[in-house]
Amino acid sequence: MPTVLVLEEAHVFIKRSKDRVDDDSIDPADVCRQIFERIAREGRKFGLGLVLSSQRPSELSPTVLSQCNTFLLHRLVNDRDQELVSKLIPDNLGGLLNELPSLPTGEAILMGWAAPIPVQVTMNRLTDDQRPQSDDPKFWDVWIGEEEREVDWETLIVEWIEEG
């Protein structure tokens, strides 16, 4: 049965390889990267596909990126990320990528197998009941006292003492 594995924040799991000094130790990040590189290279013959989501494409394994055939690029402001993306498309289409740093929320550039030429697309807006409840914490409001923060101080102190 065909299966698609969706990996959010892929740069955390599929980091670009770094030169290591100590070859005797096992680095869990290296093992994780190697597993996903193998899935990217060989997964299709077993009916396994990958959808990767990352805000930092320049930190992803080049091996995995080379196996991706379609890219949906939202706003990218980091120079290294923009440089990596510019290498993915022919020079004559590079002008479209100039829009990356200023793309509004909900806008993206679709390119690769799913789009014969890069095209700017608009994401469908979800209704409030369909949207994930992932609002950023209201640090400022808590800090200045506009919102009460419930803290069980006794439990917190006991945990700190036990950690020692």
N, C-alpha and C. Protein backbone atom coordinates (compact mmCIF):
# COMPACT_ATOMS: atom_id res chain seq x y z
N MET A 1 0.84 -1.16 0.00
CA MET A 1 0.00 0.00 0.00
C MET A 1 0.91 1.25 0.00
N PRO A 2 0.70 2.14 -0.97
CA PRO A 2 1.51 3.36 -1.01
C PRO A 2 1.32 4.19 0.27
N THR A 3 2.41 4.72 0.76
CA THR A 3 2.39 5.51 1.99
C THR A 3 3.21 6.77 1.79
N VAL A 4 2.71 7.88 2.31
CA VAL A 4 3.45 9.14 2.26
C VAL A 4 3.76 9.55 3.69
N LEU A 5 5.03 9.78 3.94
CA LEU A 5 5.49 10.23 5.25
C LEU A 5 5.69 11.74 5.20
N VAL A 6 4.97 12.47 6.04
CA VAL A 6 5.08 13.93 6.08
C VAL A 6 5.96 14.29 7.27
N LEU A 7 7.03 15.03 6.99
CA LEU A 7 8.00 15.37 8.02
C LEU A 7 8.08 16.88 8.18
N GLU A 8 7.43 17.40 9.23
CA GLU A 8 7.48 18.83 9.54
C GLU A 8 8.82 19.15 10.18
N GLU A 9 9.28 20.39 10.00
CA GLU A 9 10.57 20.83 10.55
C GLU A 9 11.67 19.84 10.18
N ALA A 10 11.70 19.47 8.90
CA ALA A 10 12.61 18.43 8.41
C ALA A 10 14.07 18.75 8.68
N HIS A 11 14.43 20.02 8.76
CA HIS A 11 15.83 20.39 9.02
C HIS A 11 16.31 19.88 10.38
N VAL A 12 15.40 19.55 11.28
CA VAL A 12 15.78 19.01 12.58
C VAL A 12 16.20 17.55 12.45
N PHE A 13 15.56 16.81 11.54
CA PHE A 13 15.79 15.38 11.40
C PHE A 13 16.75 15.01 10.28
N ILE A 14 16.85 15.87 9.29
CA ILE A 14 17.66 15.56 8.10
C ILE A 14 18.70 16.65 7.91
N LYS A 15 19.51 16.84 8.93
CA LYS A 15 20.52 17.90 8.89
C LYS A 15 21.59 17.60 7.84
N ARG A 16 22.09 18.67 7.26
CA ARG A 16 23.25 18.57 6.38
C ARG A 16 24.39 17.93 7.17
N SER A 17 25.10 17.00 6.55
CA SER A 17 26.19 16.29 7.21
C SER A 17 27.33 17.25 7.54
N LYS A 18 27.93 17.05 8.71
CA LYS A 18 29.08 17.86 9.12
C LYS A 18 30.29 16.93 9.26
N ASP A 19 31.46 17.48 9.00
CA ASP A 19 32.68 16.70 9.20
C ASP A 19 32.83 16.40 10.69
N ARG A 20 33.13 15.14 10.98
CA ARG A 20 33.26 14.73 12.38
C ARG A 20 34.70 14.37 12.68
N VAL A 21 35.14 14.70 13.86
CA VAL A 21 36.50 14.39 14.29
C VAL A 21 36.56 12.98 14.86
N ASP A 22 35.59 12.62 15.69
CA ASP A 22 35.57 11.32 16.36
C ASP A 22 34.67 10.36 15.58
N ASP A 23 35.29 9.47 14.79
CA ASP A 23 34.52 8.55 13.96
C ASP A 23 34.03 7.33 14.73
N ASP A 24 34.50 7.13 15.96
CA ASP A 24 34.12 5.94 16.73
C ASP A 24 32.76 6.06 17.40
N SER A 25 32.32 7.27 17.66
CA SER A 25 31.04 7.44 18.35
C SER A 25 29.89 7.43 17.35
N ILE A 26 28.73 7.06 17.85
CA ILE A 26 27.52 7.04 17.01
C ILE A 26 26.72 8.30 17.32
N ASP A 27 26.51 9.10 16.30
CA ASP A 27 25.74 10.33 16.46
C ASP A 27 24.31 10.06 16.01
N PRO A 28 23.33 10.17 16.91
CA PRO A 28 21.93 9.91 16.53
C PRO A 28 21.47 10.76 15.36
N ALA A 29 21.95 12.01 15.26
CA ALA A 29 21.55 12.87 14.15
C ALA A 29 22.05 12.31 12.82
N ASP A 30 23.26 11.72 12.82
CA ASP A 30 23.78 11.11 11.59
C ASP A 30 22.96 9.89 11.20
N VAL A 31 22.60 9.09 12.20
CA VAL A 31 21.79 7.89 11.92
C VAL A 31 20.44 8.29 11.34
N CYS A 32 19.81 9.28 11.94
CA CYS A 32 18.52 9.77 11.46
C CYS A 32 18.63 10.27 10.02
N ARG A 33 19.66 11.09 9.75
CA ARG A 33 19.87 11.62 8.40
C ARG A 33 20.07 10.48 7.41
N GLN A 34 20.88 9.49 7.76
CA GLN A 34 21.15 8.37 6.85
C GLN A 34 19.88 7.58 6.54
N ILE A 35 19.03 7.40 7.53
CA ILE A 35 17.78 6.67 7.31
C ILE A 35 16.89 7.43 6.33
N PHE A 36 16.74 8.74 6.54
CA PHE A 36 15.89 9.52 5.64
C PHE A 36 16.52 9.66 4.25
N GLU A 37 17.84 9.68 4.16
CA GLU A 37 18.48 9.70 2.85
C GLU A 37 18.16 8.41 2.10
N ARG A 38 18.17 7.30 2.80
CA ARG A 38 17.86 6.02 2.15
C ARG A 38 16.38 5.98 1.72
N ILE A 39 15.50 6.47 2.57
CA ILE A 39 14.08 6.52 2.20
C ILE A 39 13.91 7.40 0.96
N ALA A 40 14.59 8.55 0.92
CA ALA A 40 14.47 9.45 -0.23
C ALA A 40 14.99 8.79 -1.50
N ARG A 41 16.09 8.05 -1.39
CA ARG A 41 16.69 7.41 -2.57
C ARG A 41 15.92 6.18 -3.03
N GLU A 42 15.47 5.36 -2.08
CA GLU A 42 14.94 4.04 -2.43
C GLU A 42 13.47 3.83 -2.07
N GLY A 43 12.87 4.76 -1.38
CA GLY A 43 11.51 4.56 -0.89
C GLY A 43 10.46 4.32 -1.95
N ARG A 44 10.62 4.98 -3.11
CA ARG A 44 9.59 4.86 -4.15
C ARG A 44 9.36 3.42 -4.59
N LYS A 45 10.44 2.62 -4.67
CA LYS A 45 10.26 1.24 -5.13
C LYS A 45 9.50 0.39 -4.12
N PHE A 46 9.36 0.90 -2.89
CA PHE A 46 8.59 0.21 -1.87
C PHE A 46 7.26 0.91 -1.59
N GLY A 47 6.92 1.91 -2.42
CA GLY A 47 5.67 2.63 -2.26
C GLY A 47 5.70 3.65 -1.14
N LEU A 48 6.90 4.11 -0.77
CA LEU A 48 7.03 5.08 0.31
C LEU A 48 7.52 6.41 -0.24
N GLY A 49 6.75 7.46 0.00
CA GLY A 49 7.12 8.79 -0.44
C GLY A 49 7.35 9.72 0.73
N LEU A 50 8.02 10.83 0.48
CA LEU A 50 8.30 11.82 1.52
C LEU A 50 7.75 13.17 1.13
N VAL A 51 7.16 13.85 2.08
CA VAL A 51 6.82 15.27 1.95
C VAL A 51 7.57 15.96 3.07
N LEU A 52 8.46 16.86 2.71
CA LEU A 52 9.29 17.54 3.69
C LEU A 52 8.85 18.98 3.84
N SER A 53 8.83 19.45 5.06
CA SER A 53 8.52 20.84 5.34
C SER A 53 9.64 21.40 6.20
N SER A 54 10.21 22.53 5.75
CA SER A 54 11.30 23.14 6.50
C SER A 54 11.35 24.63 6.23
N GLN A 55 11.63 25.39 7.27
CA GLN A 55 11.83 26.82 7.10
C GLN A 55 13.29 27.13 6.80
N ARG A 56 14.15 26.12 6.82
CA ARG A 56 15.57 26.30 6.59
C ARG A 56 16.09 25.26 5.58
N PRO A 57 15.74 25.38 4.31
CA PRO A 57 16.18 24.39 3.32
C PRO A 57 17.69 24.26 3.20
N SER A 58 18.45 25.32 3.50
CA SER A 58 19.91 25.23 3.39
C SER A 58 20.50 24.30 4.44
N GLU A 59 19.75 23.96 5.47
CA GLU A 59 20.24 23.06 6.51
C GLU A 59 19.89 21.60 6.23
N LEU A 60 19.16 21.34 5.14
CA LEU A 60 18.76 19.98 4.81
C LEU A 60 19.87 19.23 4.08
N SER A 61 19.84 17.92 4.19
CA SER A 61 20.80 17.06 3.49
C SER A 61 20.67 17.25 1.98
N PRO A 62 21.79 17.53 1.30
CA PRO A 62 21.75 17.65 -0.17
C PRO A 62 21.28 16.36 -0.85
N THR A 63 21.59 15.22 -0.25
CA THR A 63 21.16 13.94 -0.81
C THR A 63 19.64 13.86 -0.85
N VAL A 64 18.99 14.27 0.22
CA VAL A 64 17.53 14.24 0.26
C VAL A 64 16.95 15.28 -0.69
N LEU A 65 17.50 16.49 -0.69
CA LEU A 65 17.01 17.54 -1.58
C LEU A 65 17.11 17.12 -3.05
N SER A 66 18.17 16.40 -3.39
CA SER A 66 18.35 15.99 -4.79
C SER A 66 17.29 15.00 -5.24
N GLN A 67 16.61 14.36 -4.30
CA GLN A 67 15.57 13.40 -4.64
C GLN A 67 14.18 14.03 -4.69
N CYS A 68 14.07 15.28 -4.29
CA CYS A 68 12.77 15.97 -4.31
C CYS A 68 12.47 16.41 -5.74
N ASN A 69 11.25 16.17 -6.18
CA ASN A 69 10.92 16.55 -7.56
C ASN A 69 9.95 17.72 -7.66
N THR A 70 9.38 18.15 -6.55
CA THR A 70 8.49 19.31 -6.55
C THR A 70 8.78 20.12 -5.29
N PHE A 71 8.78 21.44 -5.45
CA PHE A 71 9.04 22.34 -4.32
C PHE A 71 7.91 23.36 -4.22
N LEU A 72 7.45 23.58 -3.01
CA LEU A 72 6.46 24.62 -2.72
C LEU A 72 7.15 25.58 -1.76
N LEU A 73 7.55 26.73 -2.28
CA LEU A 73 8.39 27.67 -1.53
C LEU A 73 7.58 28.84 -1.00
N HIS A 74 7.51 28.93 0.30
CA HIS A 74 6.88 30.07 0.95
C HIS A 74 7.95 31.13 1.19
N ARG A 75 7.62 32.19 1.89
CA ARG A 75 8.56 33.30 2.11
C ARG A 75 9.87 32.78 2.72
N LEU A 76 10.98 33.16 2.08
CA LEU A 76 12.32 32.85 2.59
C LEU A 76 13.11 34.14 2.64
N VAL A 77 13.61 34.50 3.81
CA VAL A 77 14.37 35.75 3.93
C VAL A 77 15.86 35.50 4.17
N ASN A 78 16.23 34.31 4.58
CA ASN A 78 17.63 33.99 4.84
C ASN A 78 18.40 33.86 3.53
N ASP A 79 19.55 34.54 3.43
CA ASP A 79 20.34 34.53 2.20
C ASP A 79 20.78 33.13 1.78
N ARG A 80 21.21 32.30 2.74
CA ARG A 80 21.66 30.95 2.38
C ARG A 80 20.51 30.11 1.84
N ASP A 81 19.33 30.26 2.41
CA ASP A 81 18.17 29.52 1.92
C ASP A 81 17.81 29.97 0.51
N GLN A 82 17.83 31.27 0.27
CA GLN A 82 17.53 31.80 -1.07
C GLN A 82 18.56 31.33 -2.09
N GLU A 83 19.82 31.30 -1.69
CA GLU A 83 20.88 30.85 -2.60
C GLU A 83 20.68 29.39 -2.99
N LEU A 84 20.35 28.55 -2.02
CA LEU A 84 20.11 27.14 -2.31
C LEU A 84 18.96 26.98 -3.29
N VAL A 85 17.87 27.69 -3.05
CA VAL A 85 16.70 27.59 -3.91
C VAL A 85 17.02 28.08 -5.32
N SER A 86 17.84 29.11 -5.44
CA SER A 86 18.18 29.64 -6.77
C SER A 86 18.94 28.62 -7.61
N LYS A 87 19.61 27.68 -6.96
CA LYS A 87 20.34 26.63 -7.68
C LYS A 87 19.42 25.53 -8.21
N LEU A 88 18.17 25.54 -7.77
CA LEU A 88 17.23 24.49 -8.16
C LEU A 88 16.56 24.76 -9.50
N ILE A 89 16.63 26.00 -9.99
CA ILE A 89 15.90 26.34 -11.20
C ILE A 89 16.83 26.94 -12.24
N PRO A 90 16.42 26.90 -13.52
CA PRO A 90 17.23 27.50 -14.57
C PRO A 90 17.39 29.01 -14.36
N ASP A 91 18.52 29.54 -14.84
CA ASP A 91 18.82 30.96 -14.67
C ASP A 91 17.74 31.88 -15.22
N ASN A 92 17.13 31.49 -16.35
CA ASN A 92 16.15 32.38 -16.98
C ASN A 92 14.86 32.51 -16.17
N LEU A 93 14.67 31.67 -15.17
CA LEU A 93 13.47 31.76 -14.33
C LEU A 93 13.77 32.34 -12.95
N GLY A 94 14.99 32.79 -12.75
CA GLY A 94 15.41 33.29 -11.44
C GLY A 94 14.66 34.51 -10.96
N GLY A 95 14.09 35.31 -11.87
CA GLY A 95 13.39 36.52 -11.47
C GLY A 95 12.23 36.25 -10.53
N LEU A 96 11.58 35.11 -10.72
CA LEU A 96 10.44 34.77 -9.86
C LEU A 96 10.89 34.60 -8.41
N LEU A 97 12.12 34.13 -8.23
CA LEU A 97 12.61 33.90 -6.87
C LEU A 97 12.92 35.20 -6.14
N ASN A 98 13.00 36.30 -6.88
CA ASN A 98 13.20 37.60 -6.23
C ASN A 98 12.02 37.94 -5.33
N GLU A 99 10.89 37.28 -5.57
CA GLU A 99 9.68 37.52 -4.77
C GLU A 99 9.72 36.80 -3.42
N LEU A 100 10.61 35.81 -3.26
CA LEU A 100 10.61 34.98 -2.05
C LEU A 100 10.67 35.77 -0.74
N PRO A 101 11.53 36.78 -0.60
CA PRO A 101 11.59 37.47 0.69
C PRO A 101 10.34 38.27 1.04
N SER A 102 9.53 38.58 0.05
CA SER A 102 8.37 39.45 0.32
C SER A 102 7.03 38.77 0.05
N LEU A 103 7.03 37.46 -0.13
CA LEU A 103 5.76 36.76 -0.35
C LEU A 103 4.85 36.94 0.86
N PRO A 104 3.60 37.30 0.64
CA PRO A 104 2.68 37.42 1.77
C PRO A 104 2.31 36.05 2.33
N THR A 105 1.80 36.03 3.54
CA THR A 105 1.33 34.80 4.14
C THR A 105 0.27 34.18 3.24
N GLY A 106 0.37 32.87 3.03
CA GLY A 106 -0.59 32.18 2.18
C GLY A 106 -0.21 32.14 0.72
N GLU A 107 0.90 32.77 0.34
CA GLU A 107 1.39 32.76 -1.04
C GLU A 107 2.64 31.89 -1.10
N ALA A 108 2.86 31.23 -2.24
CA ALA A 108 4.04 30.38 -2.41
C ALA A 108 4.39 30.29 -3.89
N ILE A 109 5.58 29.79 -4.16
CA ILE A 109 6.00 29.52 -5.53
C ILE A 109 6.08 28.01 -5.68
N LEU A 110 5.36 27.48 -6.65
CA LEU A 110 5.33 26.05 -6.93
C LEU A 110 6.23 25.79 -8.13
N MET A 111 7.15 24.83 -8.00
CA MET A 111 8.04 24.53 -9.11
C MET A 111 8.46 23.06 -9.05
N GLY A 112 8.84 22.55 -10.20
CA GLY A 112 9.29 21.16 -10.29
C GLY A 112 8.31 20.33 -11.10
N TRP A 113 8.25 19.06 -10.78
CA TRP A 113 7.44 18.11 -11.55
C TRP A 113 5.97 18.52 -11.59
N ALA A 114 5.44 19.06 -10.52
CA ALA A 114 4.02 19.42 -10.45
C ALA A 114 3.68 20.68 -11.22
N ALA A 115 4.68 21.45 -11.62
CA ALA A 115 4.45 22.69 -12.36
C ALA A 115 5.52 22.82 -13.44
N PRO A 116 5.16 22.70 -14.72
CA PRO A 116 6.16 22.75 -15.79
C PRO A 116 7.04 24.00 -15.74
N ILE A 117 6.47 25.13 -15.33
CA ILE A 117 7.27 26.33 -15.08
C ILE A 117 6.88 26.85 -13.70
N PRO A 118 7.83 27.47 -12.98
CA PRO A 118 7.49 27.99 -11.65
C PRO A 118 6.32 28.97 -11.72
N VAL A 119 5.44 28.86 -10.76
CA VAL A 119 4.25 29.71 -10.74
C VAL A 119 3.94 30.12 -9.30
N GLN A 120 3.48 31.35 -9.12
CA GLN A 120 3.07 31.80 -7.79
C GLN A 120 1.64 31.33 -7.55
N VAL A 121 1.41 30.72 -6.38
CA VAL A 121 0.10 30.17 -6.05
C VAL A 121 -0.38 30.74 -4.71
N THR A 122 -1.69 30.68 -4.51
CA THR A 122 -2.31 31.12 -3.26
C THR A 122 -2.90 29.90 -2.57
N MET A 123 -2.59 29.74 -1.29
CA MET A 123 -3.11 28.62 -0.52
C MET A 123 -4.58 28.89 -0.18
N ASN A 124 -5.37 27.83 -0.13
CA ASN A 124 -6.75 27.97 0.33
C ASN A 124 -6.75 28.36 1.79
N ARG A 125 -7.62 29.28 2.14
CA ARG A 125 -7.76 29.70 3.53
C ARG A 125 -8.65 28.70 4.27
N LEU A 126 -8.20 28.24 5.41
CA LEU A 126 -9.00 27.34 6.23
C LEU A 126 -9.92 28.15 7.13
N THR A 127 -11.09 27.60 7.39
CA THR A 127 -11.98 28.26 8.35
C THR A 127 -11.37 28.11 9.74
N ASP A 128 -11.81 28.93 10.67
CA ASP A 128 -11.23 28.92 12.01
C ASP A 128 -11.31 27.54 12.66
N ASP A 129 -12.41 26.81 12.45
CA ASP A 129 -12.54 25.50 13.09
C ASP A 129 -11.64 24.45 12.44
N GLN A 130 -11.10 24.71 11.24
CA GLN A 130 -10.20 23.78 10.57
C GLN A 130 -8.73 24.07 10.87
N ARG A 131 -8.45 25.26 11.38
CA ARG A 131 -7.06 25.67 11.60
C ARG A 131 -6.51 25.06 12.88
N PRO A 132 -5.23 24.71 12.88
CA PRO A 132 -4.63 24.19 14.11
C PRO A 132 -4.57 25.28 15.18
N GLN A 133 -4.68 24.88 16.40
CA GLN A 133 -4.60 25.83 17.51
C GLN A 133 -3.14 25.96 17.93
N SER A 134 -2.39 26.73 17.16
CA SER A 134 -0.95 26.84 17.40
C SER A 134 -0.52 28.29 17.54
N ASP A 135 -1.34 29.07 18.21
CA ASP A 135 -0.98 30.47 18.42
C ASP A 135 0.31 30.57 19.23
N ASP A 136 1.08 31.59 18.94
CA ASP A 136 2.28 31.84 19.71
C ASP A 136 1.89 32.21 21.14
N PRO A 137 2.71 31.80 22.11
CA PRO A 137 2.42 32.22 23.48
C PRO A 137 2.46 33.74 23.59
N LYS A 138 1.65 34.28 24.46
CA LYS A 138 1.57 35.74 24.62
C LYS A 138 2.56 36.18 25.70
N PHE A 139 3.85 36.05 25.37
CA PHE A 139 4.89 36.36 26.34
C PHE A 139 4.77 37.78 26.89
N TRP A 140 4.57 38.73 26.01
CA TRP A 140 4.53 40.13 26.42
C TRP A 140 3.38 40.39 27.39
N ASP A 141 2.20 39.86 27.05
CA ASP A 141 1.03 40.07 27.91
C ASP A 141 1.24 39.49 29.30
N VAL A 142 1.88 38.31 29.37
CA VAL A 142 2.15 37.70 30.67
C VAL A 142 3.21 38.51 31.40
N TRP A 143 4.23 38.94 30.68
CA TRP A 143 5.34 39.67 31.29
C TRP A 143 4.89 40.97 31.93
N ILE A 144 4.03 41.71 31.22
CA ILE A 144 3.59 43.00 31.77
C ILE A 144 2.37 42.85 32.68
N GLY A 145 1.89 41.62 32.84
CA GLY A 145 0.84 41.37 33.81
C GLY A 145 -0.58 41.49 33.28
N GLU A 146 -0.76 41.64 31.96
CA GLU A 146 -2.12 41.74 31.43
C GLU A 146 -2.82 40.39 31.43
N GLU A 147 -2.04 39.32 31.44
CA GLU A 147 -2.62 37.98 31.53
C GLU A 147 -2.00 37.27 32.72
N GLU A 148 -2.83 36.59 33.45
CA GLU A 148 -2.36 35.86 34.63
C GLU A 148 -1.71 34.56 34.16
N ARG A 149 -0.65 34.21 34.81
CA ARG A 149 0.00 32.95 34.48
C ARG A 149 -0.11 32.05 35.70
N GLU A 150 -0.68 30.90 35.49
CA GLU A 150 -0.85 29.94 36.58
C GLU A 150 0.43 29.14 36.75
N VAL A 151 1.05 29.28 37.91
CA VAL A 151 2.27 28.53 38.21
C VAL A 151 2.10 27.85 39.55
N ASP A 152 2.34 26.55 39.56
CA ASP A 152 2.31 25.79 40.81
C ASP A 152 3.72 25.86 41.40
N TRP A 153 3.97 26.91 42.20
CA TRP A 153 5.32 27.18 42.70
C TRP A 153 5.83 26.04 43.58
N GLU A 154 4.99 25.45 44.39
CA GLU A 154 5.44 24.37 45.28
C GLU A 154 5.96 23.19 44.48
N THR A 155 5.21 22.78 43.46
CA THR A 155 5.64 21.67 42.61
C THR A 155 6.93 22.01 41.89
N LEU A 156 7.03 23.22 41.40
CA LEU A 156 8.23 23.67 40.69
C LEU A 156 9.45 23.60 41.59
N ILE A 157 9.33 24.07 42.83
CA ILE A 157 10.45 24.05 43.78
C ILE A 157 10.85 22.62 44.11
N VAL A 158 9.88 21.74 44.33
CA VAL A 158 10.17 20.34 44.63
C VAL A 158 10.92 19.69 43.46
N GLU A 159 10.48 19.96 42.24
CA GLU A 159 11.15 19.39 41.07
C GLU A 159 12.58 19.89 40.95
N TRP A 160 12.80 21.17 41.22
CA TRP A 160 14.17 21.72 41.15
C TRP A 160 15.06 21.07 42.21
N ILE A 161 14.53 20.89 43.40
CA ILE A 161 15.32 20.27 44.48
C ILE A 161 15.65 18.83 44.11
N GLU A 162 14.69 18.10 43.56
CA GLU A 162 14.91 16.70 43.19
C GLU A 162 15.94 16.57 42.08
N GLU A 163 15.97 17.53 41.15
CA GLU A 163 16.95 17.49 40.07
C GLU A 163 18.35 17.78 40.59
N GLY A 164 18.43 18.47 41.69
CA GLY A 164 19.58 18.72 42.43
C GLY A 164 20.76 19.37 42.09
